[in-house]
Protein backbone atom coordinates (compact mmCIF):
# COMPACT_ATOMS: atom_id res chain seq x y z
CA MET A 1 -0.04 0.08 -0.12
CA TYR A 2 2.92 1.93 1.22
CA PHE A 3 4.60 2.05 -2.67
CA LEU A 4 0.88 1.92 -4.24
CA ASN A 5 0.76 5.57 -2.88
CA ARG A 6 3.47 7.29 -4.57
CA ILE A 7 2.65 5.58 -7.72
CA LEU A 8 -0.70 7.29 -7.60
CA ILE A 9 1.27 10.29 -6.97
CA PHE A 10 2.63 10.07 -10.64
CA LEU A 11 -0.46 8.46 -11.92
CA PHE A 12 -2.43 11.78 -10.41
CA PHE A 13 0.15 14.52 -12.09
CA THR A 14 -0.53 12.23 -15.47
CA PHE A 15 -4.10 12.74 -15.44
CA LEU A 16 -4.04 16.39 -14.70
CA CYS A 17 -1.57 16.92 -18.03
CA LEU A 18 -3.88 15.22 -20.26
CA HIS A 19 -6.40 17.47 -19.11
CA ILE A 20 -4.47 20.64 -20.05
CA LYS A 21 -3.14 21.93 -23.44
CA ALA A 22 0.24 23.66 -23.90
CA GLN A 23 2.64 26.47 -26.08
CA ASP A 24 4.69 25.95 -29.21
CA ILE A 25 8.14 26.95 -28.29
CA HIS A 26 9.40 23.98 -25.97
CA TRP A 27 12.08 21.04 -25.25
CA SER A 28 11.45 17.56 -26.52
CA GLN A 29 14.11 16.00 -23.80
CA PHE A 30 12.50 18.44 -20.59
CA ASN A 31 13.59 16.12 -18.43
CA ASP A 32 17.31 16.81 -19.46
CA ASN A 33 17.15 20.79 -18.97
CA GLN A 34 16.17 20.66 -15.43
CA LEU A 35 16.68 24.23 -13.96
CA PHE A 36 14.59 25.65 -17.32
CA GLN A 37 11.96 23.03 -15.99
CA ASN A 38 11.81 23.75 -12.26
CA PRO A 39 14.29 26.05 -9.84
CA GLY A 40 13.09 23.59 -7.17
CA ASN A 41 15.65 21.26 -9.42
CA THR A 42 18.67 22.87 -8.91
CA GLY A 43 21.05 21.41 -6.90
CA HIS A 44 19.31 17.83 -6.96
CA PHE A 45 21.93 15.93 -8.67
CA ASP A 46 24.36 12.87 -7.23
CA GLY A 47 27.37 14.87 -7.49
CA ASP A 48 29.16 18.41 -6.55
CA TYR A 49 28.61 20.55 -9.89
CA ARG A 50 26.25 19.39 -13.12
CA PHE A 51 26.93 21.03 -16.65
CA ILE A 52 23.70 20.78 -18.95
CA GLY A 53 24.00 21.97 -22.48
CA ASN A 54 20.86 21.67 -25.14
CA TYR A 55 20.18 22.51 -28.70
CA ARG A 56 17.12 22.50 -30.99
CA ASP A 57 16.75 23.24 -34.15
CA GLN A 58 12.89 23.13 -35.87
CA TRP A 59 10.98 23.80 -39.44
CA ARG A 60 14.08 23.59 -41.34
CA SER A 61 11.65 22.22 -44.00
CA VAL A 62 9.21 24.98 -43.91
CA THR A 63 10.64 28.16 -43.31
CA VAL A 64 13.46 29.74 -41.48
CA PRO A 65 14.37 27.27 -39.13
CA PHE A 66 14.05 27.87 -35.26
CA SER A 67 16.93 27.43 -33.54
CA THR A 68 17.24 27.20 -29.39
CA ILE A 69 20.31 26.78 -27.30
CA SER A 70 20.63 26.38 -23.64
CA GLY A 71 23.10 25.91 -21.41
CA SER A 72 23.56 25.53 -17.47
CA VAL A 73 25.58 24.50 -14.44
CA ASP A 74 24.38 24.26 -11.15
CA ALA A 75 25.60 23.15 -7.39
CA LYS A 76 25.08 22.45 -4.32
CA TRP A 77 26.22 23.21 -0.58
CA LYS A 78 24.27 20.96 2.37
CA ASN A 79 20.65 21.60 1.67
CA LEU A 80 20.70 24.38 -0.42
CA GLY A 81 21.07 24.54 -3.97
CA TYR A 82 22.31 27.65 -6.66
CA GLY A 83 22.72 27.74 -10.10
CA LEU A 84 23.05 29.71 -13.89
CA LEU A 85 21.11 29.23 -16.70
CA PHE A 86 21.01 31.20 -19.87
CA PHE A 87 19.05 30.48 -22.80
CA HIS A 88 19.06 31.81 -26.47
CA ASP A 89 16.44 31.42 -29.10
CA VAL A 90 16.42 32.47 -32.77
CA ALA A 91 12.53 32.44 -35.16
CA GLY A 92 11.71 33.15 -38.71
CA ASP A 93 12.69 35.91 -40.99
CA GLY A 94 12.73 38.86 -38.58
CA LYS A 95 15.72 37.06 -36.43
CA PHE A 96 13.18 37.53 -33.80
CA ARG A 97 15.77 36.59 -31.06
CA THR A 98 15.51 36.35 -27.47
CA LEU A 99 17.98 35.98 -24.95
CA GLU A 100 17.88 34.78 -21.31
CA THR A 101 19.94 34.68 -18.13
CA GLN A 102 18.50 33.29 -14.83
CA PHE A 103 19.51 32.85 -11.48
CA ASN A 104 17.97 29.74 -9.21
CA VAL A 105 18.53 28.69 -5.86
CA SER A 106 16.74 26.04 -3.60
CA ASN A 107 16.74 24.21 -0.75
CA LEU A 108 15.95 20.90 0.27
CA PHE A 109 13.54 19.57 3.00
CA GLN A 110 13.20 16.31 4.50
CA ILE A 111 9.59 15.35 5.34
CA THR A 112 10.61 12.27 7.07
CA SER A 113 13.85 11.42 9.02
CA ASP A 114 14.12 8.08 6.51
CA SER A 115 15.22 10.67 3.67
CA MET A 116 12.26 8.73 1.87
CA ASN A 117 10.21 12.06 1.40
CA LEU A 118 12.24 15.19 0.15
CA LEU A 119 10.49 18.65 -0.73
CA ARG A 120 12.57 21.26 -2.96
CA LEU A 121 11.36 25.16 -2.63
CA GLY A 122 13.16 27.58 -5.53
CA VAL A 123 13.07 30.69 -6.76
CA ASN A 124 14.09 32.15 -9.89
CA PHE A 125 15.14 35.51 -11.19
CA GLY A 126 15.76 36.09 -14.75
CA LEU A 127 16.89 39.20 -17.30
CA ASN A 128 15.65 38.92 -20.43
CA HIS A 129 16.47 40.80 -23.78
CA ARG A 130 14.42 40.63 -26.95
CA GLN A 131 15.33 41.80 -30.26
CA ILE A 132 13.78 41.72 -34.05
CA THR A 133 14.63 42.85 -37.36
CA TRP A 134 11.83 45.02 -38.83
CA SER A 135 13.84 45.85 -41.90
CA ASN A 136 13.87 41.98 -43.11
CA LEU A 137 9.87 41.97 -42.58
CA TYR A 138 6.87 43.33 -45.04
CA PHE A 139 3.60 43.86 -43.98
CA ASP A 140 0.07 44.16 -45.45
CA ASN A 141 0.23 48.35 -46.30
CA GLN A 142 3.22 47.55 -48.67
CA TYR A 143 0.56 45.69 -50.96
CA ASN A 144 -0.94 48.39 -53.28
CA GLY A 145 -3.73 46.62 -54.77
CA TYR A 146 -2.06 45.58 -57.38
CA VAL A 147 1.52 44.42 -56.92
CA PHE A 148 3.64 43.93 -53.46
CA ASP A 149 5.96 47.18 -53.01
CA PRO A 150 8.52 46.34 -50.34
CA SER A 151 9.64 49.92 -50.75
CA ALA A 152 6.25 51.58 -49.71
CA PRO A 153 5.57 52.29 -45.81
CA THR A 154 4.48 49.99 -42.94
CA PHE A 155 2.61 52.36 -41.21
CA GLU A 156 3.73 50.00 -38.03
CA ASN A 157 3.82 52.25 -35.03
CA TYR A 158 6.64 50.05 -33.05
CA GLN A 159 8.91 51.99 -30.56
CA SER A 160 11.99 50.18 -30.56
CA ASP A 161 13.52 47.08 -31.80
CA LYS A 162 15.20 45.98 -28.74
CA LYS A 163 13.46 45.04 -24.93
CA THR A 164 14.68 44.43 -21.99
CA ASN A 165 13.06 42.95 -18.52
CA PHE A 166 13.34 41.45 -15.22
CA SER A 167 11.06 37.88 -14.13
CA ILE A 168 10.94 36.11 -11.09
CA GLY A 169 9.45 32.78 -10.78
CA LEU A 170 8.88 29.98 -8.10
CA GLY A 171 8.90 26.37 -7.91
CA ALA A 172 8.15 23.50 -5.69
CA VAL A 173 9.53 19.91 -6.33
CA TYR A 174 8.42 16.96 -4.21
CA GLU A 175 10.76 13.28 -4.30
CA TRP A 176 9.79 9.67 -2.88
CA ARG A 177 12.66 8.22 -2.98
CA LYS A 178 13.30 4.23 -1.66
CA ASN A 179 16.47 4.06 -4.18
CA ASP A 180 18.02 4.79 -7.53
CA ARG A 181 15.88 2.61 -9.28
CA PHE A 182 12.59 3.09 -7.51
CA SER A 183 11.35 6.65 -7.07
CA VAL A 184 9.05 9.28 -8.33
CA ILE A 185 9.43 12.93 -8.61
CA SER A 186 6.79 15.30 -9.31
CA GLY A 187 7.05 19.26 -9.34
CA PHE A 188 4.86 22.39 -10.02
CA SER A 189 6.49 26.15 -11.15
CA ALA A 190 5.37 29.25 -12.10
CA PHE A 191 7.55 32.29 -13.89
CA ASN A 192 7.22 35.65 -14.83
CA LEU A 193 5.46 36.29 -12.04
CA ASN A 194 5.58 40.06 -12.09
CA GLN A 195 4.60 40.11 -15.69
CA PRO A 196 6.76 42.28 -17.15
CA ASN A 197 6.12 44.32 -20.31
CA GLN A 198 7.50 42.56 -23.26
CA GLY A 199 6.06 44.66 -26.12
CA PHE A 200 7.98 46.74 -28.97
CA TYR A 201 4.76 49.38 -29.54
CA THR A 202 3.95 52.07 -27.54
CA SER A 203 1.20 49.62 -25.89
CA GLU A 204 1.92 47.71 -23.12
CA ILE A 205 1.68 43.91 -23.69
CA LYS A 206 2.58 41.96 -20.39
CA ARG A 207 5.01 38.70 -20.57
CA ASP A 208 2.60 36.01 -19.62
CA VAL A 209 2.84 34.08 -16.25
CA ARG A 210 4.64 30.58 -17.87
CA TYR A 211 3.44 27.27 -15.27
CA ASN A 212 4.50 24.27 -15.60
CA VAL A 213 3.73 20.65 -14.26
CA PHE A 214 5.61 17.33 -14.21
CA SER A 215 6.17 14.08 -12.98
CA LYS A 216 8.72 11.25 -13.35
CA GLY A 217 8.89 7.72 -12.76
CA ILE A 218 12.01 5.27 -12.21
CA PHE A 219 10.82 1.61 -11.42
CA LYS A 220 13.05 -1.44 -11.42
CA ILE A 221 11.91 -4.24 -14.08
CA ASN A 222 14.89 -6.25 -13.87
CA ARG A 223 18.71 -6.59 -12.99
CA GLU A 224 19.34 -4.82 -16.38
CA TRP A 225 15.98 -3.23 -16.94
CA ASP A 226 14.42 0.08 -15.58
CA ILE A 227 11.21 1.55 -16.94
CA ILE A 228 10.72 6.02 -17.16
CA PRO A 229 7.90 6.88 -17.63
CA SER A 230 6.88 10.96 -17.27
CA THR A 231 4.53 13.93 -18.46
CA GLN A 232 4.82 17.47 -18.30
CA ILE A 233 2.51 20.49 -19.59
CA SER A 234 3.57 24.31 -20.22
CA PHE A 235 0.82 26.77 -20.13
CA GLN A 236 1.10 30.34 -20.89
CA GLY A 237 -1.63 32.49 -21.69
CA VAL A 238 -3.83 30.73 -24.91
CA TYR A 239 -0.58 28.77 -25.53
CA ARG A 240 -0.97 25.11 -23.82
CA GLU A 241 1.65 22.22 -24.35
CA GLN A 242 1.61 18.85 -23.07
CA ILE A 243 4.11 15.84 -23.53
CA LEU A 244 3.38 11.85 -22.34
CA GLY A 245 5.84 9.07 -23.07
CA ALA A 246 8.25 6.55 -21.55
CA SER A 247 12.21 5.52 -21.40
CA ALA A 248 13.43 2.40 -20.95
CA LYS A 249 16.66 1.91 -19.29
CA TYR A 250 19.35 -0.65 -20.55
CA TYR A 251 22.46 -1.35 -17.59
CA LEU A 252 25.41 -2.43 -19.83
CA ASN A 253 27.46 -1.70 -16.68
CA PRO A 254 25.78 -1.02 -13.24
CA LYS A 255 29.46 -1.00 -11.63
CA ALA A 256 30.57 2.75 -10.55
CA THR A 257 33.54 2.96 -11.81
CA GLU A 258 32.72 1.63 -15.28
CA TYR A 259 28.81 2.64 -15.33
CA CYS A 260 27.24 2.31 -18.45
CA ALA A 261 23.44 2.21 -19.55
CA LEU A 262 21.44 3.05 -22.95
CA TYR A 263 17.82 4.74 -23.00
CA GLY A 264 15.30 4.60 -25.76
CA GLY A 265 11.75 6.03 -25.45
CA LEU A 266 8.78 6.93 -27.67
CA TRP A 267 6.80 10.47 -26.77
CA PHE A 268 3.44 12.43 -27.63
CA ARG A 269 3.43 16.30 -27.80
CA ASN A 270 -0.74 16.65 -28.04
CA LYS A 271 -1.73 17.52 -31.69
CA ASP A 272 1.51 18.67 -32.63
CA ALA A 273 4.24 15.50 -32.89
CA ALA A 274 5.61 12.34 -31.55
CA TYR A 275 9.26 11.64 -31.12
CA ILE A 276 11.88 9.05 -30.51
CA SER A 277 14.96 9.47 -27.89
CA LEU A 278 18.07 7.85 -27.40
CA GLY A 279 20.81 8.39 -25.00
CA ILE A 280 23.41 6.75 -23.47
CA ASP A 281 25.29 7.29 -20.06
CA TYR A 282 29.46 6.40 -19.27
CA LYS A 283 30.10 7.54 -16.06
CA GLN A 284 29.58 11.11 -15.33
CA LEU A 285 28.55 12.06 -18.86
CA PHE A 286 25.47 12.14 -20.49
CA VAL A 287 24.53 12.56 -24.17
CA GLY A 288 20.54 12.48 -25.70
CA LEU A 289 19.50 12.83 -28.97
CA SER A 290 15.75 13.13 -29.99
CA TYR A 291 13.80 13.75 -33.53
CA ASP A 292 10.22 15.13 -33.67
CA ILE A 293 7.70 13.46 -36.40
CA ASN A 294 5.36 16.60 -37.25
CA VAL A 295 1.89 14.81 -37.08
CA SER A 296 0.10 18.52 -37.16
CA LYS A 297 -1.87 20.67 -40.05
CA LEU A 298 1.32 21.59 -41.45
CA VAL A 299 2.07 18.34 -42.40
CA PRO A 300 1.59 19.02 -46.00
CA ALA A 301 4.18 21.98 -46.01
CA SER A 302 6.98 20.18 -43.16
CA ASN A 303 6.41 16.66 -44.72
CA LEU A 304 6.17 15.16 -41.19
CA ARG A 305 9.77 16.71 -40.46
CA GLY A 306 10.13 18.46 -37.07
CA GLY A 307 12.75 19.17 -35.08
CA PHE A 308 16.36 17.70 -33.94
CA GLU A 309 17.61 17.94 -30.27
CA ILE A 310 20.39 17.42 -28.51
CA ALA A 311 20.97 17.28 -24.47
CA ILE A 312 24.59 16.83 -23.06
CA ARG A 313 24.85 16.72 -19.51
CA TYR A 314 28.15 16.00 -17.10
CA ILE A 315 28.54 15.70 -13.43
CA ILE A 316 31.77 16.85 -11.50
CA HIS A 317 32.32 14.71 -8.54
CA ALA A 318 34.70 16.98 -6.42
CA PHE A 319 37.91 15.12 -5.24
CA LYS A 320 37.53 15.20 -0.96
CA PRO A 321 40.95 13.96 1.03
CA LYS A 322 40.60 11.91 4.27
CA LYS A 323 41.15 13.61 7.23
CA ILE A 324 43.59 11.40 9.19
CA ILE A 325 43.80 11.70 12.99
CA HIS A 326 47.07 10.71 14.38
CA ARG A 327 46.99 10.01 17.66
CA VAL A 328 50.29 11.77 19.70
CA CYS A 329 51.76 9.16 22.23
CA PRO A 330 52.70 10.81 25.55
CA ASP A 331 56.84 11.56 25.93
CA PHE A 332 57.27 9.14 28.76
CA ILE A 333 56.24 5.93 26.52
């Protein structure tokens, strides 16, 4: 019954995700961009320092490709986790760029003395810069009724081509953990709580709050295999996204000194794409690849091709020399 309750927690978050829709800009490998997912994930790893890099390229077959890159580093001291994240995105003909730097802080609380129930609370501070190249864009006013005239005025009342603002977010992550191969983790986070102005025009355009809910389970099948189901939803204003899927993990070598494991997964994003993921763990290094197969109404143009994504993670275990206590013998011996 105790283990069943933990599995029900995972199923509850999965059910919640199936009843909410999400935005189009996303990471397919959401479990491998933890600081972007929830500030409560900061410092949540086995080691001393963690480095993560992600790259995504999508819609290359349809239009100017949308390219996204992010990187993060985090560490921990006792129950305190802290880290930095940057995010850079370029989209469309107007070279619409988004550059964001975030600083996360989290704290770990042990709910029970056996360390099987853990709660992490995190806070996120972000600095967001957006920029667009207006000269690369064309508008309806440049069509005179007969021909398109790119030299005609656009009459667009934009105030600037750059905008910088500050944001704040909060997150909470709960984990039930029996061991490394039997655990459930779920979290909720909210970003842009202050709703900063992000508009290029004279009128104010607030940046909507971005909410995120996720749940992930690790369940041992036998000595060589684990099953890792997970789900995530994100919603921001009118935009919705939900992802549901699972990975299988195969242990080639479970020994810590030569640890190696392979991953293979299948995932679904609501009304948008299905995608496969492959990954490998080797000691402290993880490399993951995924490819989206577009199944939305854009299929006639995309020819089923969506986006390619890569995730790299490396964890450092700092050397801690043993403290040797020497016993001093009295002079009379």
